PDB file of N, CA and C in Angstrom:
ATOM      1  N   MET A   1      82.585  83.248  67.922  1.00  0.00           N
ATOM      2  CA  MET A   1      81.819  82.722  69.034  1.00  0.00           C
ATOM      3  C   MET A   1      81.879  83.702  70.196  1.00  0.00           C
ATOM      4  N   VAL A   2      80.757  83.944  70.817  1.00  0.00           N
ATOM      5  CA  VAL A   2      80.678  84.871  71.942  1.00  0.00           C
ATOM      6  C   VAL A   2      80.775  84.076  73.236  1.00  0.00           C
ATOM      7  N   ASP A   3      81.662  84.512  74.137  1.00  0.00           N
ATOM      8  CA  ASP A   3      81.747  83.867  75.446  1.00  0.00           C
ATOM      9  C   ASP A   3      80.522  84.226  76.252  1.00  0.00           C
ATOM     10  N   GLU A   4      79.907  83.230  76.862  1.00  0.00           N
ATOM     11  CA  GLU A   4      78.754  83.474  77.715  1.00  0.00           C
ATOM     12  C   GLU A   4      79.102  83.088  79.130  1.00  0.00           C
ATOM     13  N   GLY A   5      78.427  83.714  80.061  1.00  0.00           N
ATOM     14  CA  GLY A   5      78.687  83.420  81.454  1.00  0.00           C
ATOM     15  C   GLY A   5      77.421  83.460  82.284  1.00  0.00           C
ATOM     16  N   VAL A   6      77.590  83.085  83.524  1.00  0.00           N
ATOM     17  CA  VAL A   6      76.503  83.121  84.488  1.00  0.00           C
ATOM     18  C   VAL A   6      76.900  84.143  85.549  1.00  0.00           C
ATOM     19  N   TYR A   7      75.992  85.059  85.847  1.00  0.00           N
ATOM     20  CA  TYR A   7      76.291  86.183  86.743  1.00  0.00           C
ATOM     21  C   TYR A   7      75.225  86.332  87.810  1.00  0.00           C
ATOM     22  N   ARG A   8      75.657  86.811  88.950  1.00  0.00           N
ATOM     23  CA  ARG A   8      74.763  87.150  90.052  1.00  0.00           C
ATOM     24  C   ARG A   8      74.556  88.666  90.003  1.00  0.00           C
ATOM     25  N   VAL A   9      73.302  89.089  89.939  1.00  0.00           N
ATOM     26  CA  VAL A   9      72.963  90.514  89.877  1.00  0.00           C
ATOM     27  C   VAL A   9      72.302  90.909  91.190  1.00  0.00           C
ATOM     28  N   ARG A  10      72.843  91.952  91.806  1.00  0.00           N
ATOM     29  CA  ARG A  10      72.235  92.514  93.021  1.00  0.00           C
ATOM     30  C   ARG A  10      71.776  93.923  92.690  1.00  0.00           C
ATOM     31  N   PHE A  11      70.591  94.241  93.185  1.00  0.00           N
ATOM     32  CA  PHE A  11      70.015  95.554  92.924  1.00  0.00           C
ATOM     33  C   PHE A  11      70.318  96.491  94.084  1.00  0.00           C
ATOM     34  N   CYS A  12      70.493  97.747  93.758  1.00  0.00           N
ATOM     35  CA  CYS A  12      70.795  98.783  94.744  1.00  0.00           C
ATOM     36  C   CYS A  12      69.574  99.024  95.626  1.00  0.00           C
ATOM     37  N   GLU A  13      69.759  98.887  96.934  1.00  0.00           N
ATOM     38  CA  GLU A  13      68.637  99.088  97.862  1.00  0.00           C
ATOM     39  C   GLU A  13      68.259 100.554  98.004  1.00  0.00           C
ATOM     40  N   THR A  14      69.224 101.454  97.902  1.00  0.00           N
ATOM     41  CA  THR A  14      68.955 102.878  98.101  1.00  0.00           C
ATOM     42  C   THR A  14      68.496 103.580  96.825  1.00  0.00           C
ATOM     43  N   CYS A  15      68.689 102.953  95.683  1.00  0.00           N
ATOM     44  CA  CYS A  15      68.236 103.560  94.424  1.00  0.00           C
ATOM     45  C   CYS A  15      67.257 102.612  93.752  1.00  0.00           C
ATOM     46  N   THR A  16      66.145 102.409  94.405  1.00  0.00           N
ATOM     47  CA  THR A  16      65.123 101.467  93.961  1.00  0.00           C
ATOM     48  C   THR A  16      64.659 101.786  92.544  1.00  0.00           C
ATOM     49  N   ALA A  17      64.522 100.754  91.757  1.00  0.00           N
ATOM     50  CA  ALA A  17      64.031 100.919  90.387  1.00  0.00           C
ATOM     51  C   ALA A  17      62.560 101.291  90.420  1.00  0.00           C
ATOM     52  N   THR A  18      62.175 102.081  89.463  1.00  0.00           N
ATOM     53  CA  THR A  18      60.748 102.367  89.324  1.00  0.00           C
ATOM     54  C   THR A  18      60.064 101.083  88.859  1.00  0.00           C
ATOM     55  N   ALA A  19      58.771 101.037  88.980  1.00  0.00           N
ATOM     56  CA  ALA A  19      58.016  99.860  88.530  1.00  0.00           C
ATOM     57  C   ALA A  19      58.276  99.596  87.051  1.00  0.00           C
ATOM     58  N   GLU A  20      58.365 100.658  86.281  1.00  0.00           N
ATOM     59  CA  GLU A  20      58.609 100.515  84.846  1.00  0.00           C
ATOM     60  C   GLU A  20      59.996  99.926  84.585  1.00  0.00           C
ATOM     61  N   GLU A  21      61.022 100.405  85.310  1.00  0.00           N
ATOM     62  CA  GLU A  21      62.371  99.874  85.128  1.00  0.00           C
ATOM     63  C   GLU A  21      62.439  98.397  85.506  1.00  0.00           C
ATOM     64  N   ALA A  22      61.799  98.044  86.603  1.00  0.00           N
ATOM     65  CA  ALA A  22      61.797  96.648  87.044  1.00  0.00           C
ATOM     66  C   ALA A  22      61.086  95.763  86.024  1.00  0.00           C
ATOM     67  N   THR A  23      59.971  96.242  85.496  1.00  0.00           N
ATOM     68  CA  THR A  23      59.225  95.490  84.492  1.00  0.00           C
ATOM     69  C   THR A  23      60.035  95.363  83.216  1.00  0.00           C
ATOM     70  N   ASN A  24      60.707  96.426  82.848  1.00  0.00           N
ATOM     71  CA  ASN A  24      61.480  96.428  81.616  1.00  0.00           C
ATOM     72  C   ASN A  24      62.820  95.716  81.740  1.00  0.00           C
ATOM     73  N   PHE A  25      63.231  95.361  82.962  1.00  0.00           N
ATOM     74  CA  PHE A  25      64.523  94.704  83.147  1.00  0.00           C
ATOM     75  C   PHE A  25      64.598  93.422  82.321  1.00  0.00           C
ATOM     76  N   HIS A  26      63.548  92.616  82.378  1.00  0.00           N
ATOM     77  CA  HIS A  26      63.547  91.357  81.622  1.00  0.00           C
ATOM     78  C   HIS A  26      63.609  91.629  80.114  1.00  0.00           C
ATOM     79  N   ASP A  27      62.893  92.645  79.657  1.00  0.00           N
ATOM     80  CA  ASP A  27      62.933  93.000  78.236  1.00  0.00           C
ATOM     81  C   ASP A  27      64.314  93.491  77.836  1.00  0.00           C
ATOM     82  N   ARG A  28      64.927  94.304  78.694  1.00  0.00           N
ATOM     83  CA  ARG A  28      66.271  94.813  78.410  1.00  0.00           C
ATOM     84  C   ARG A  28      67.272  93.666  78.392  1.00  0.00           C
ATOM     85  N   LEU A  29      67.105  92.734  79.321  1.00  0.00           N
ATOM     86  CA  LEU A  29      67.987  91.578  79.400  1.00  0.00           C
ATOM     87  C   LEU A  29      67.859  90.723  78.133  1.00  0.00           C
ATOM     88  N   LYS A  30      66.625  90.485  77.690  1.00  0.00           N
ATOM     89  CA  LYS A  30      66.396  89.712  76.465  1.00  0.00           C
ATOM     90  C   LYS A  30      67.010  90.414  75.262  1.00  0.00           C
ATOM     91  N   ALA A  31      66.863  91.736  75.210  1.00  0.00           N
ATOM     92  CA  ALA A  31      67.423  92.498  74.093  1.00  0.00           C
ATOM     93  C   ALA A  31      68.942  92.369  74.025  1.00  0.00           C
ATOM     94  N   LEU A  32      69.565  92.133  75.179  1.00  0.00           N
ATOM     95  CA  LEU A  32      71.014  91.942  75.228  1.00  0.00           C
ATOM     96  C   LEU A  32      71.403  90.482  75.013  1.00  0.00           C
ATOM     97  N   GLY A  33      70.404  89.619  74.804  1.00  0.00           N
ATOM     98  CA  GLY A  33      70.669  88.207  74.566  1.00  0.00           C
ATOM     99  C   GLY A  33      70.774  87.381  75.836  1.00  0.00           C
ATOM    100  N   GLY A  34      70.306  87.919  76.945  1.00  0.00           N
ATOM    101  CA  GLY A  34      70.403  87.215  78.221  1.00  0.00           C
ATOM    102  C   GLY A  34      69.075  86.685  78.702  1.00  0.00           C
ATOM    103  N   MET A  35      69.137  85.980  79.825  1.00  0.00           N
ATOM    104  CA  MET A  35      67.919  85.464  80.429  1.00  0.00           C
ATOM    105  C   MET A  35      68.123  85.286  81.928  1.00  0.00           C
ATOM    106  N   VAL A  36      67.017  85.348  82.664  1.00  0.00           N
ATOM    107  CA  VAL A  36      67.064  85.097  84.100  1.00  0.00           C
ATOM    108  C   VAL A  36      67.057  83.589  84.302  1.00  0.00           C
ATOM    109  N   VAL A  37      68.029  83.096  85.044  1.00  0.00           N
ATOM    110  CA  VAL A  37      68.118  81.675  85.352  1.00  0.00           C
ATOM    111  C   VAL A  37      67.387  81.381  86.659  1.00  0.00           C
ATOM    112  N   TYR A  38      67.536  82.306  87.624  1.00  0.00           N
ATOM    113  CA  TYR A  38      66.936  82.091  88.944  1.00  0.00           C
ATOM    114  C   TYR A  38      66.749  83.431  89.638  1.00  0.00           C
ATOM    115  N   GLY A  39      65.657  83.576  90.377  1.00  0.00           N
ATOM    116  CA  GLY A  39      65.429  84.763  91.187  1.00  0.00           C
ATOM    117  C   GLY A  39      64.406  85.698  90.581  1.00  0.00           C
ATOM    118  N   ALA A  40      64.106  86.748  91.341  1.00  0.00           N
ATOM    119  CA  ALA A  40      63.145  87.754  90.900  1.00  0.00           C
ATOM    120  C   ALA A  40      63.459  89.087  91.570  1.00  0.00           C
ATOM    121  N   TYR A  41      63.205  90.173  90.853  1.00  0.00           N
ATOM    122  CA  TYR A  41      63.384  91.509  91.399  1.00  0.00           C
ATOM    123  C   TYR A  41      62.411  91.682  92.562  1.00  0.00           C
ATOM    124  N   PRO A  42      62.787  92.257  93.675  1.00  0.00           N
ATOM    125  CA  PRO A  42      63.997  93.023  93.955  1.00  0.00           C
ATOM    126  C   PRO A  42      65.127  92.195  94.569  1.00  0.00           C
ATOM    127  N   GLY A  43      64.941  90.894  94.671  1.00  0.00           N
ATOM    128  CA  GLY A  43      65.994  90.051  95.220  1.00  0.00           C
ATOM    129  C   GLY A  43      67.104  89.829  94.212  1.00  0.00           C
ATOM    130  N   PRO A  44      68.176  89.190  94.636  1.00  0.00           N
ATOM    131  CA  PRO A  44      69.270  88.892  93.708  1.00  0.00           C
ATOM    132  C   PRO A  44      68.801  87.954  92.599  1.00  0.00           C
ATOM    133  N   LEU A  45      69.402  88.098  91.433  1.00  0.00           N
ATOM    134  CA  LEU A  45      69.095  87.252  90.286  1.00  0.00           C
ATOM    135  C   LEU A  45      70.357  86.527  89.842  1.00  0.00           C
ATOM    136  N   VAL A  46      70.173  85.394  89.224  1.00  0.00           N
ATOM    137  CA  VAL A  46      71.245  84.728  88.494  1.00  0.00           C
ATOM    138  C   VAL A  46      70.835  84.803  87.037  1.00  0.00           C
ATOM    139  N   ILE A  47      71.732  85.328  86.202  1.00  0.00           N
ATOM    140  CA  ILE A  47      71.425  85.499  84.782  1.00  0.00           C
ATOM    141  C   ILE A  47      72.468  84.797  83.925  1.00  0.00           C
ATOM    142  N   GLY A  48      72.054  84.403  82.752  1.00  0.00           N
ATOM    143  CA  GLY A  48      72.962  83.901  81.740  1.00  0.00           C
ATOM    144  C   GLY A  48      73.030  84.936  80.638  1.00  0.00           C
ATOM    145  N   ILE A  49      74.255  85.366  80.296  1.00  0.00           N
ATOM    146  CA  ILE A  49      74.398  86.443  79.315  1.00  0.00           C
ATOM    147  C   ILE A  49      75.836  86.466  78.788  1.00  0.00           C
ATOM    148  N   ALA A  50      76.020  87.031  77.614  1.00  0.00           N
ATOM    149  CA  ALA A  50      77.357  87.184  77.051  1.00  0.00           C
ATOM    150  C   ALA A  50      78.186  88.117  77.929  1.00  0.00           C
ATOM    151  N   VAL A  51      79.467  87.850  77.961  1.00  0.00           N
ATOM    152  CA  VAL A  51      80.374  88.612  78.815  1.00  0.00           C
ATOM    153  C   VAL A  51      80.294  90.111  78.532  1.00  0.00           C
ATOM    154  N   ASP A  52      80.322  90.503  77.268  1.00  0.00           N
ATOM    155  CA  ASP A  52      80.286  91.930  76.950  1.00  0.00           C
ATOM    156  C   ASP A  52      78.938  92.560  77.296  1.00  0.00           C
ATOM    157  N   ALA A  53      77.858  91.793  77.198  1.00  0.00           N
ATOM    158  CA  ALA A  53      76.539  92.312  77.539  1.00  0.00           C
ATOM    159  C   ALA A  53      76.364  92.464  79.052  1.00  0.00           C
ATOM    160  N   ALA A  54      77.089  91.678  79.827  1.00  0.00           N
ATOM    161  CA  ALA A  54      77.027  91.804  81.286  1.00  0.00           C
ATOM    162  C   ALA A  54      77.479  93.193  81.725  1.00  0.00           C
ATOM    163  N   GLU A  55      78.393  93.799  80.972  1.00  0.00           N
ATOM    164  CA  GLU A  55      78.832  95.166  81.271  1.00  0.00           C
ATOM    165  C   GLU A  55      77.681  96.152  81.126  1.00  0.00           C
ATOM    166  N   HIS A  56      76.812  95.933  80.150  1.00  0.00           N
ATOM    167  CA  HIS A  56      75.644  96.802  79.974  1.00  0.00           C
ATOM    168  C   HIS A  56      74.698  96.674  81.165  1.00  0.00           C
ATOM    169  N   VAL A  57      74.487  95.444  81.624  1.00  0.00           N
ATOM    170  CA  VAL A  57      73.621  95.223  82.785  1.00  0.00           C
ATOM    171  C   VAL A  57      74.196  95.935  84.002  1.00  0.00           C
ATOM    172  N   ALA A  58      75.510  95.870  84.167  1.00  0.00           N
ATOM    173  CA  ALA A  58      76.165  96.524  85.309  1.00  0.00           C
ATOM    174  C   ALA A  58      76.008  98.041  85.266  1.00  0.00           C
ATOM    175  N   SER A  59      75.766  98.593  84.086  1.00  0.00           N
ATOM    176  CA  SER A  59      75.630 100.052  83.964  1.00  0.00           C
ATOM    177  C   SER A  59      74.213 100.548  84.237  1.00  0.00           C
ATOM    178  N   PHE A  60      73.233  99.645  84.392  1.00  0.00           N
ATOM    179  CA  PHE A  60      71.880 100.093  84.713  1.00  0.00           C
ATOM    180  C   PHE A  60      71.913 100.821  86.054  1.00  0.00           C
ATOM    181  N   PRO A  61      71.247 101.969  86.184  1.00  0.00           N
ATOM    182  CA  PRO A  61      71.360 102.783  87.392  1.00  0.00           C
ATOM    183  C   PRO A  61      70.848 102.120  88.673  1.00  0.00           C
ATOM    184  N   PHE A  62      69.986 101.143  88.575  1.00  0.00           N
ATOM    185  CA  PHE A  62      69.429 100.489  89.756  1.00  0.00           C
ATOM    186  C   PHE A  62      70.121  99.166  90.088  1.00  0.00           C
ATOM    187  N   VAL A  63      71.205  98.847  89.360  1.00  0.00           N
ATOM    188  CA  VAL A  63      71.972  97.625  89.619  1.00  0.00           C
ATOM    189  C   VAL A  63      73.180  97.973  90.474  1.00  0.00           C
ATOM    190  N   GLU A  64      73.301  97.285  91.601  1.00  0.00           N
ATOM    191  CA  GLU A  64      74.441  97.515  92.499  1.00  0.00           C
ATOM    192  C   GLU A  64      75.681  96.766  92.037  1.00  0.00           C
ATOM    193  N   SER A  65      75.519  95.486  91.655  1.00  0.00           N
ATOM    194  CA  SER A  65      76.682  94.710  91.234  1.00  0.00           C
ATOM    195  C   SER A  65      76.294  93.571  90.310  1.00  0.00           C
ATOM    196  N   VAL A  66      77.240  93.214  89.464  1.00  0.00           N
ATOM    197  CA  VAL A  66      77.143  92.045  88.606  1.00  0.00           C
ATOM    198  C   VAL A  66      78.441  91.282  88.812  1.00  0.00           C
ATOM    199  N   VAL A  67      78.326  90.037  89.298  1.00  0.00           N
ATOM    200  CA  VAL A  67      79.504  89.251  89.660  1.00  0.00           C
ATOM    201  C   VAL A  67      79.434  87.896  88.968  1.00  0.00           C
ATOM    202  N   SER A  68      80.541  87.494  88.379  1.00  0.00           N
ATOM    203  CA  SER A  68      80.614  86.199  87.725  1.00  0.00           C
ATOM    204  C   SER A  68      80.484  85.087  88.754  1.00  0.00           C
ATOM    205  N   VAL A  69      79.593  84.143  88.487  1.00  0.00           N
ATOM    206  CA  VAL A  69      79.429  82.995  89.379  1.00  0.00           C
ATOM    207  C   VAL A  69      80.635  82.063  89.242  1.00  0.00           C
ATOM    208  N   THR A  70      81.229  82.025  88.060  1.00  0.00           N
ATOM    209  CA  THR A  70      82.343  81.126  87.791  1.00  0.00           C
ATOM    210  C   THR A  70      83.604  81.489  88.570  1.00  0.00           C
ATOM    211  N   ASP A  71      84.023  82.750  88.496  1.00  0.00           N
ATOM    212  CA  ASP A  71      85.277  83.120  89.155  1.00  0.00           C
ATOM    213  C   ASP A  71      85.130  84.229  90.197  1.00  0.00           C
ATOM    214  N   ASN A  72      83.890  84.583  90.518  1.00  0.00           N
ATOM    215  CA  ASN A  72      83.589  85.577  91.545  1.00  0.00           C
ATOM    216  C   ASN A  72      84.190  86.954  91.276  1.00  0.00           C
ATOM    217  N   SER A  73      84.397  87.283  89.989  1.00  0.00           N
ATOM    218  CA  SER A  73      84.936  88.590  89.640  1.00  0.00           C
ATOM    219  C   SER A  73      83.799  89.558  89.303  1.00  0.00           C
ATOM    220  N   ALA A  74      83.974  90.799  89.725  1.00  0.00           N
ATOM    221  CA  ALA A  74      82.964  91.832  89.480  1.00  0.00           C
ATOM    222  C   ALA A  74      83.072  92.329  88.031  1.00  0.00           C
ATOM    223  N   VAL A  75      81.923  92.656  87.471  1.00  0.00           N
ATOM    224  CA  VAL A  75      81.841  93.237  86.128  1.00  0.00           C
ATOM    225  C   VAL A  75      81.585  94.719  86.303  1.00  0.00           C
ATOM    226  N   SER A  76      82.326  95.550  85.578  1.00  0.00           N
ATOM    227  CA  SER A  76      82.084  96.985  85.681  1.00  0.00           C
ATOM    228  C   SER A  76      81.327  97.453  84.450  1.00  0.00           C
ATOM    229  N   GLY A  77      80.497  98.468  84.676  1.00  0.00           N
ATOM    230  CA  GLY A  77      79.639  98.939  83.589  1.00  0.00           C
ATOM    231  C   GLY A  77      79.891 100.320  83.182  1.00  0.00           C
TER     232      GLY A  77
END
């Protein structure tokens, strides 16, 4: 069984995603088994995703932070 969590994603203001990256974010998230629960780019998002996949989201170059909503801990990518 894979642990799943709910995370708050904030995007980097100084390293704005290209239109293609922003459009592909949802596709990349789906490919990792996640989904957007609330919000829209470029604002903060709340996502549901497996714990290990959240690390991949945190490694995207235009993502500033991924933080667990449950325990407020940061995910590193």
